[in-house]
Amino acid sequence: MKTLLLSLVLASSLSAQAVKLTPDEFVVKPGVARYWKFSVSGSTGRVAGSFRASGGSRNDIRVLITDSDECENYLNGNQANVFYDSGAKTVGRIDVRLNQGGYCIIFDNRNSVVSSKEVATQIYLENE
């Protein structure tokens, strides 16, 4: 019984440190990339979770994680270094470790000229 209680307390303290990076659901209009900025405040952090896109003929979205400077490059259509790039996918999982610093998670629908994409996410940051 004590082991179970200790496990529950430990699990709740770990989940209390996790920060949700995106809304549960949102829309990305055609020809647009939506993004959210975040910071890793510990020495390292882990971004983990999943996403699902629907809409259009292929039900796809491209998800990327970059640092703050590369985010600006990418959004301006320039070449950018990324820590994560899903490619165009309907469903995907993210599990990326990052060093301390500022970052950006991007949901890119710029390949679609007509269709909006509805995106559902469960993506969290855990500072370590």
N, C-alpha and C. Protein backbone atom coordinates (compact mmCIF):
# COMPACT_ATOMS: atom_id res chain seq x y z
N MET A 1 0.82 -1.19 0.00
CA MET A 1 0.00 0.00 0.00
C MET A 1 0.87 1.26 0.00
N LYS A 2 1.95 1.26 0.81
CA LYS A 2 2.83 2.42 0.85
C LYS A 2 3.51 2.63 -0.50
N THR A 3 3.87 1.52 -1.18
CA THR A 3 4.50 1.62 -2.49
C THR A 3 3.55 2.25 -3.50
N LEU A 4 2.30 1.84 -3.48
CA LEU A 4 1.29 2.40 -4.38
C LEU A 4 1.11 3.89 -4.12
N LEU A 5 1.00 4.27 -2.86
CA LEU A 5 0.83 5.68 -2.51
C LEU A 5 2.04 6.50 -2.94
N LEU A 6 3.25 5.99 -2.72
CA LEU A 6 4.46 6.68 -3.14
C LEU A 6 4.50 6.82 -4.66
N SER A 7 4.10 5.79 -5.39
CA SER A 7 4.06 5.84 -6.85
C SER A 7 3.09 6.90 -7.33
N LEU A 8 1.93 7.00 -6.70
CA LEU A 8 0.93 7.99 -7.07
C LEU A 8 1.43 9.41 -6.80
N VAL A 9 2.08 9.62 -5.67
CA VAL A 9 2.62 10.94 -5.33
C VAL A 9 3.72 11.31 -6.32
N LEU A 10 4.61 10.38 -6.65
CA LEU A 10 5.69 10.64 -7.59
C LEU A 10 5.13 10.95 -8.97
N ALA A 11 4.16 10.19 -9.43
CA ALA A 11 3.56 10.43 -10.74
C ALA A 11 2.88 11.79 -10.80
N SER A 12 2.18 12.18 -9.74
CA SER A 12 1.51 13.47 -9.76
C SER A 12 2.51 14.62 -9.72
N SER A 13 3.64 14.45 -9.04
CA SER A 13 4.64 15.52 -9.01
C SER A 13 5.32 15.66 -10.36
N LEU A 14 5.54 14.55 -11.08
CA LEU A 14 6.13 14.63 -12.40
C LEU A 14 5.18 15.29 -13.38
N SER A 15 3.91 14.93 -13.35
CA SER A 15 2.97 15.52 -14.27
C SER A 15 2.71 16.98 -13.96
N ALA A 16 2.91 17.40 -12.70
CA ALA A 16 2.73 18.80 -12.35
C ALA A 16 3.82 19.65 -12.99
N GLN A 17 4.98 19.07 -13.31
CA GLN A 17 6.06 19.80 -13.94
C GLN A 17 5.90 19.90 -15.45
N ALA A 18 5.03 19.11 -16.04
CA ALA A 18 4.82 19.12 -17.48
C ALA A 18 3.98 20.34 -17.87
N VAL A 19 4.36 20.99 -18.95
CA VAL A 19 3.67 22.17 -19.45
C VAL A 19 3.10 21.85 -20.83
N LYS A 20 1.83 22.09 -21.01
CA LYS A 20 1.20 21.87 -22.31
C LYS A 20 1.65 22.96 -23.27
N LEU A 21 2.13 22.58 -24.45
CA LEU A 21 2.70 23.55 -25.38
C LEU A 21 1.71 24.11 -26.39
N THR A 22 0.63 23.39 -26.65
CA THR A 22 -0.34 23.81 -27.66
C THR A 22 -1.76 23.58 -27.15
N PRO A 23 -2.73 24.25 -27.76
CA PRO A 23 -4.13 23.94 -27.40
C PRO A 23 -4.47 22.49 -27.76
N ASP A 24 -5.53 21.96 -27.14
CA ASP A 24 -5.96 20.60 -27.46
C ASP A 24 -6.37 20.47 -28.92
N GLU A 25 -7.06 21.49 -29.45
CA GLU A 25 -7.52 21.49 -30.83
C GLU A 25 -7.40 22.90 -31.40
N PHE A 26 -7.05 22.98 -32.67
CA PHE A 26 -6.97 24.27 -33.35
C PHE A 26 -7.02 24.03 -34.86
N VAL A 27 -7.19 25.11 -35.61
CA VAL A 27 -7.27 25.05 -37.07
C VAL A 27 -6.07 25.79 -37.65
N VAL A 28 -5.48 25.19 -38.69
CA VAL A 28 -4.42 25.85 -39.45
C VAL A 28 -4.98 26.09 -40.85
N LYS A 29 -5.12 27.35 -41.20
CA LYS A 29 -5.71 27.73 -42.48
C LYS A 29 -4.78 27.36 -43.63
N PRO A 30 -5.32 27.24 -44.86
CA PRO A 30 -4.47 26.90 -46.00
C PRO A 30 -3.42 27.97 -46.24
N GLY A 31 -2.22 27.53 -46.60
CA GLY A 31 -1.14 28.45 -46.90
C GLY A 31 -0.51 29.11 -45.69
N VAL A 32 -0.81 28.60 -44.49
CA VAL A 32 -0.37 29.24 -43.25
C VAL A 32 0.39 28.25 -42.38
N ALA A 33 1.33 28.77 -41.60
CA ALA A 33 2.00 27.99 -40.56
C ALA A 33 1.70 28.65 -39.22
N ARG A 34 1.13 27.90 -38.27
CA ARG A 34 0.89 28.41 -36.92
C ARG A 34 2.01 27.91 -36.02
N TYR A 35 2.36 28.73 -35.02
CA TYR A 35 3.45 28.32 -34.15
C TYR A 35 3.24 28.85 -32.73
N TRP A 36 3.91 28.17 -31.80
CA TRP A 36 3.93 28.56 -30.39
C TRP A 36 5.37 28.55 -29.93
N LYS A 37 5.76 29.59 -29.21
CA LYS A 37 7.11 29.67 -28.64
C LYS A 37 7.10 29.09 -27.24
N PHE A 38 8.23 28.51 -26.83
CA PHE A 38 8.38 27.98 -25.48
C PHE A 38 9.84 28.00 -25.09
N SER A 39 10.11 27.87 -23.80
CA SER A 39 11.49 27.88 -23.28
C SER A 39 11.75 26.64 -22.44
N VAL A 40 12.94 26.11 -22.58
CA VAL A 40 13.43 25.05 -21.71
C VAL A 40 14.23 25.75 -20.62
N SER A 41 13.73 25.69 -19.39
CA SER A 41 14.37 26.42 -18.29
C SER A 41 15.34 25.56 -17.49
N GLY A 42 15.16 24.25 -17.53
CA GLY A 42 16.11 23.36 -16.85
C GLY A 42 17.35 23.19 -17.72
N SER A 43 18.28 22.38 -17.27
CA SER A 43 19.48 22.15 -18.09
C SER A 43 19.10 21.45 -19.40
N THR A 44 18.08 20.59 -19.34
CA THR A 44 17.53 19.97 -20.54
C THR A 44 16.02 19.87 -20.39
N GLY A 45 15.36 19.60 -21.47
CA GLY A 45 13.91 19.41 -21.45
C GLY A 45 13.53 18.36 -22.47
N ARG A 46 12.36 17.81 -22.28
CA ARG A 46 11.85 16.79 -23.20
C ARG A 46 10.49 17.22 -23.70
N VAL A 47 10.35 17.30 -25.02
CA VAL A 47 9.06 17.57 -25.64
C VAL A 47 8.53 16.23 -26.13
N ALA A 48 7.34 15.87 -25.65
CA ALA A 48 6.77 14.58 -26.02
C ALA A 48 5.27 14.70 -26.18
N GLY A 49 4.74 13.86 -27.05
CA GLY A 49 3.30 13.82 -27.24
C GLY A 49 2.92 13.36 -28.63
N SER A 50 1.70 13.72 -29.03
CA SER A 50 1.19 13.25 -30.31
C SER A 50 0.32 14.33 -30.95
N PHE A 51 0.10 14.16 -32.25
CA PHE A 51 -0.79 15.06 -32.99
C PHE A 51 -1.55 14.26 -34.04
N ARG A 52 -2.69 14.82 -34.46
CA ARG A 52 -3.54 14.21 -35.49
C ARG A 52 -4.15 15.34 -36.31
N ALA A 53 -4.06 15.23 -37.63
CA ALA A 53 -4.62 16.25 -38.52
C ALA A 53 -5.77 15.67 -39.33
N SER A 54 -6.74 16.51 -39.62
CA SER A 54 -7.82 16.12 -40.52
C SER A 54 -8.22 17.32 -41.36
N GLY A 55 -8.69 17.03 -42.56
CA GLY A 55 -9.10 18.08 -43.49
C GLY A 55 -8.33 17.97 -44.78
N GLY A 56 -8.99 18.31 -45.86
CA GLY A 56 -8.36 18.21 -47.17
C GLY A 56 -8.33 16.78 -47.66
N SER A 57 -7.72 16.57 -48.81
CA SER A 57 -7.72 15.23 -49.40
C SER A 57 -6.73 14.29 -48.73
N ARG A 58 -5.69 14.83 -48.08
CA ARG A 58 -4.67 13.95 -47.49
C ARG A 58 -4.65 13.96 -45.97
N ASN A 59 -5.48 14.81 -45.34
CA ASN A 59 -5.51 14.85 -43.86
C ASN A 59 -4.12 14.95 -43.27
N ASP A 60 -3.31 15.93 -43.72
CA ASP A 60 -1.92 15.98 -43.27
C ASP A 60 -1.52 17.37 -42.78
N ILE A 61 -0.50 17.38 -41.93
CA ILE A 61 0.12 18.60 -41.41
C ILE A 61 1.60 18.29 -41.23
N ARG A 62 2.44 19.30 -41.32
CA ARG A 62 3.87 19.13 -41.05
C ARG A 62 4.18 19.82 -39.74
N VAL A 63 4.84 19.11 -38.82
CA VAL A 63 5.16 19.64 -37.50
C VAL A 63 6.68 19.71 -37.37
N LEU A 64 7.16 20.87 -36.87
CA LEU A 64 8.60 21.07 -36.70
C LEU A 64 8.87 21.68 -35.34
N ILE A 65 10.07 21.40 -34.82
CA ILE A 65 10.56 22.09 -33.62
C ILE A 65 11.92 22.68 -34.00
N THR A 66 12.05 23.99 -33.76
CA THR A 66 13.29 24.72 -34.05
C THR A 66 13.66 25.56 -32.84
N ASP A 67 14.87 26.12 -32.86
CA ASP A 67 15.16 27.13 -31.85
C ASP A 67 14.56 28.45 -32.32
N SER A 68 14.60 29.47 -31.49
CA SER A 68 13.92 30.73 -31.78
C SER A 68 14.40 31.39 -33.07
N ASP A 69 15.71 31.42 -33.31
CA ASP A 69 16.25 32.04 -34.52
C ASP A 69 15.86 31.27 -35.77
N GLU A 70 15.98 29.96 -35.71
CA GLU A 70 15.64 29.14 -36.87
C GLU A 70 14.14 29.17 -37.16
N CYS A 71 13.34 29.41 -36.15
CA CYS A 71 11.89 29.56 -36.33
C CYS A 71 11.62 30.72 -37.28
N GLU A 72 12.26 31.83 -37.03
CA GLU A 72 12.09 33.01 -37.87
C GLU A 72 12.54 32.72 -39.30
N ASN A 73 13.67 32.03 -39.45
CA ASN A 73 14.13 31.66 -40.79
C ASN A 73 13.10 30.80 -41.50
N TYR A 74 12.61 29.78 -40.83
CA TYR A 74 11.66 28.86 -41.44
C TYR A 74 10.37 29.57 -41.84
N LEU A 75 9.83 30.38 -40.95
CA LEU A 75 8.56 31.07 -41.23
C LEU A 75 8.69 32.07 -42.37
N ASN A 76 9.91 32.56 -42.60
CA ASN A 76 10.16 33.48 -43.72
C ASN A 76 10.51 32.75 -45.02
N GLY A 77 10.40 31.42 -45.00
CA GLY A 77 10.64 30.64 -46.20
C GLY A 77 12.09 30.33 -46.48
N ASN A 78 12.95 30.56 -45.51
CA ASN A 78 14.38 30.29 -45.67
C ASN A 78 14.72 28.90 -45.13
N GLN A 79 15.88 28.40 -45.50
CA GLN A 79 16.36 27.14 -44.97
C GLN A 79 16.57 27.29 -43.47
N ALA A 80 16.21 26.25 -42.71
CA ALA A 80 16.34 26.32 -41.25
C ALA A 80 16.77 24.97 -40.71
N ASN A 81 17.57 25.01 -39.65
CA ASN A 81 17.95 23.80 -38.93
C ASN A 81 16.84 23.47 -37.95
N VAL A 82 16.45 22.21 -37.88
CA VAL A 82 15.35 21.81 -37.01
C VAL A 82 15.78 20.66 -36.11
N PHE A 83 15.10 20.55 -34.97
CA PHE A 83 15.33 19.45 -34.04
C PHE A 83 14.35 18.31 -34.31
N TYR A 84 13.21 18.64 -34.93
CA TYR A 84 12.19 17.64 -35.24
C TYR A 84 11.46 18.09 -36.50
N ASP A 85 11.23 17.19 -37.42
CA ASP A 85 10.45 17.45 -38.63
C ASP A 85 9.66 16.19 -38.95
N SER A 86 8.35 16.26 -38.79
CA SER A 86 7.51 15.09 -39.01
C SER A 86 7.35 14.76 -40.48
N GLY A 87 7.57 15.75 -41.36
CA GLY A 87 7.13 15.59 -42.74
C GLY A 87 5.61 15.69 -42.74
N ALA A 88 4.99 15.58 -43.88
CA ALA A 88 3.53 15.65 -43.96
C ALA A 88 2.93 14.34 -43.44
N LYS A 89 2.16 14.44 -42.35
CA LYS A 89 1.58 13.25 -41.72
C LYS A 89 0.17 13.52 -41.23
N THR A 90 -0.61 12.45 -41.15
CA THR A 90 -1.93 12.52 -40.53
C THR A 90 -1.80 12.39 -39.02
N VAL A 91 -1.00 11.42 -38.57
CA VAL A 91 -0.80 11.14 -37.15
C VAL A 91 0.69 11.04 -36.89
N GLY A 92 1.14 11.62 -35.79
CA GLY A 92 2.56 11.53 -35.48
C GLY A 92 2.82 11.60 -33.99
N ARG A 93 4.00 11.14 -33.62
CA ARG A 93 4.47 11.20 -32.22
C ARG A 93 5.75 12.01 -32.18
N ILE A 94 5.90 12.76 -31.08
CA ILE A 94 7.08 13.58 -30.86
C ILE A 94 7.75 13.11 -29.57
N ASP A 95 9.06 12.98 -29.60
CA ASP A 95 9.84 12.69 -28.39
C ASP A 95 11.24 13.25 -28.63
N VAL A 96 11.46 14.48 -28.19
CA VAL A 96 12.70 15.20 -28.49
C VAL A 96 13.28 15.77 -27.21
N ARG A 97 14.57 15.60 -27.01
CA ARG A 97 15.28 16.22 -25.89
C ARG A 97 15.97 17.48 -26.38
N LEU A 98 15.86 18.55 -25.60
CA LEU A 98 16.41 19.85 -25.98
C LEU A 98 17.23 20.42 -24.83
N ASN A 99 18.23 21.20 -25.16
CA ASN A 99 19.02 21.91 -24.16
C ASN A 99 18.28 23.19 -23.74
N GLN A 100 18.77 23.81 -22.68
CA GLN A 100 18.19 25.05 -22.19
C GLN A 100 18.18 26.09 -23.31
N GLY A 101 17.06 26.83 -23.44
CA GLY A 101 16.97 27.87 -24.46
C GLY A 101 15.56 28.09 -24.94
N GLY A 102 15.42 28.95 -25.95
CA GLY A 102 14.13 29.28 -26.52
C GLY A 102 13.87 28.49 -27.79
N TYR A 103 12.63 28.03 -27.95
CA TYR A 103 12.26 27.16 -29.06
C TYR A 103 10.90 27.54 -29.61
N CYS A 104 10.53 26.86 -30.69
CA CYS A 104 9.29 27.12 -31.38
C CYS A 104 8.76 25.79 -31.92
N ILE A 105 7.45 25.53 -31.75
CA ILE A 105 6.82 24.37 -32.38
C ILE A 105 5.90 24.91 -33.46
N ILE A 106 6.07 24.40 -34.67
CA ILE A 106 5.39 24.93 -35.86
C ILE A 106 4.48 23.86 -36.44
N PHE A 107 3.27 24.26 -36.82
CA PHE A 107 2.33 23.41 -37.54
C PHE A 107 2.13 24.05 -38.91
N ASP A 108 2.70 23.42 -39.93
CA ASP A 108 2.80 24.03 -41.25
C ASP A 108 1.79 23.42 -42.22
N ASN A 109 0.92 24.28 -42.74
CA ASN A 109 -0.07 23.88 -43.75
C ASN A 109 0.13 24.69 -45.03
N ARG A 110 1.35 25.16 -45.27
CA ARG A 110 1.60 26.00 -46.43
C ARG A 110 1.57 25.23 -47.75
N ASN A 111 1.62 23.91 -47.71
CA ASN A 111 1.51 23.12 -48.95
C ASN A 111 0.08 23.02 -49.44
N SER A 112 -0.87 23.36 -48.61
CA SER A 112 -2.28 23.32 -48.99
C SER A 112 -2.73 24.71 -49.41
N VAL A 113 -3.29 24.81 -50.60
CA VAL A 113 -3.77 26.12 -51.07
C VAL A 113 -5.26 26.30 -50.86
N VAL A 114 -5.97 25.21 -50.53
CA VAL A 114 -7.43 25.27 -50.41
C VAL A 114 -7.94 24.85 -49.03
N SER A 115 -7.36 23.80 -48.45
CA SER A 115 -7.96 23.15 -47.28
C SER A 115 -7.35 23.58 -45.96
N SER A 116 -8.22 23.95 -45.03
CA SER A 116 -7.79 24.12 -43.64
C SER A 116 -7.59 22.75 -43.02
N LYS A 117 -6.75 22.69 -42.00
CA LYS A 117 -6.53 21.44 -41.27
C LYS A 117 -6.93 21.63 -39.83
N GLU A 118 -7.74 20.70 -39.34
CA GLU A 118 -8.08 20.66 -37.92
C GLU A 118 -7.03 19.77 -37.26
N VAL A 119 -6.41 20.29 -36.20
CA VAL A 119 -5.32 19.57 -35.55
C VAL A 119 -5.67 19.34 -34.09
N ALA A 120 -5.50 18.11 -33.64
CA ALA A 120 -5.67 17.76 -32.23
C ALA A 120 -4.30 17.37 -31.70
N THR A 121 -3.94 17.91 -30.52
CA THR A 121 -2.61 17.63 -29.97
C THR A 121 -2.67 17.30 -28.49
N GLN A 122 -1.68 16.58 -28.07
CA GLN A 122 -1.34 16.36 -26.66
C GLN A 122 0.17 16.42 -26.61
N ILE A 123 0.73 17.64 -26.55
CA ILE A 123 2.17 17.83 -26.60
C ILE A 123 2.61 18.62 -25.37
N TYR A 124 3.57 18.06 -24.65
CA TYR A 124 4.00 18.64 -23.36
C TYR A 124 5.51 18.82 -23.32
N LEU A 125 5.94 19.77 -22.50
CA LEU A 125 7.35 19.99 -22.19
C LEU A 125 7.57 19.62 -20.74
N GLU A 126 8.58 18.80 -20.48
CA GLU A 126 9.02 18.48 -19.12
C GLU A 126 10.43 18.99 -18.96
N ASN A 127 10.64 20.00 -18.12
CA ASN A 127 11.99 20.48 -17.83
C ASN A 127 12.67 19.50 -16.89
N GLU A 128 13.91 19.18 -17.19
CA GLU A 128 14.63 18.17 -16.40
C GLU A 128 15.76 18.80 -15.63
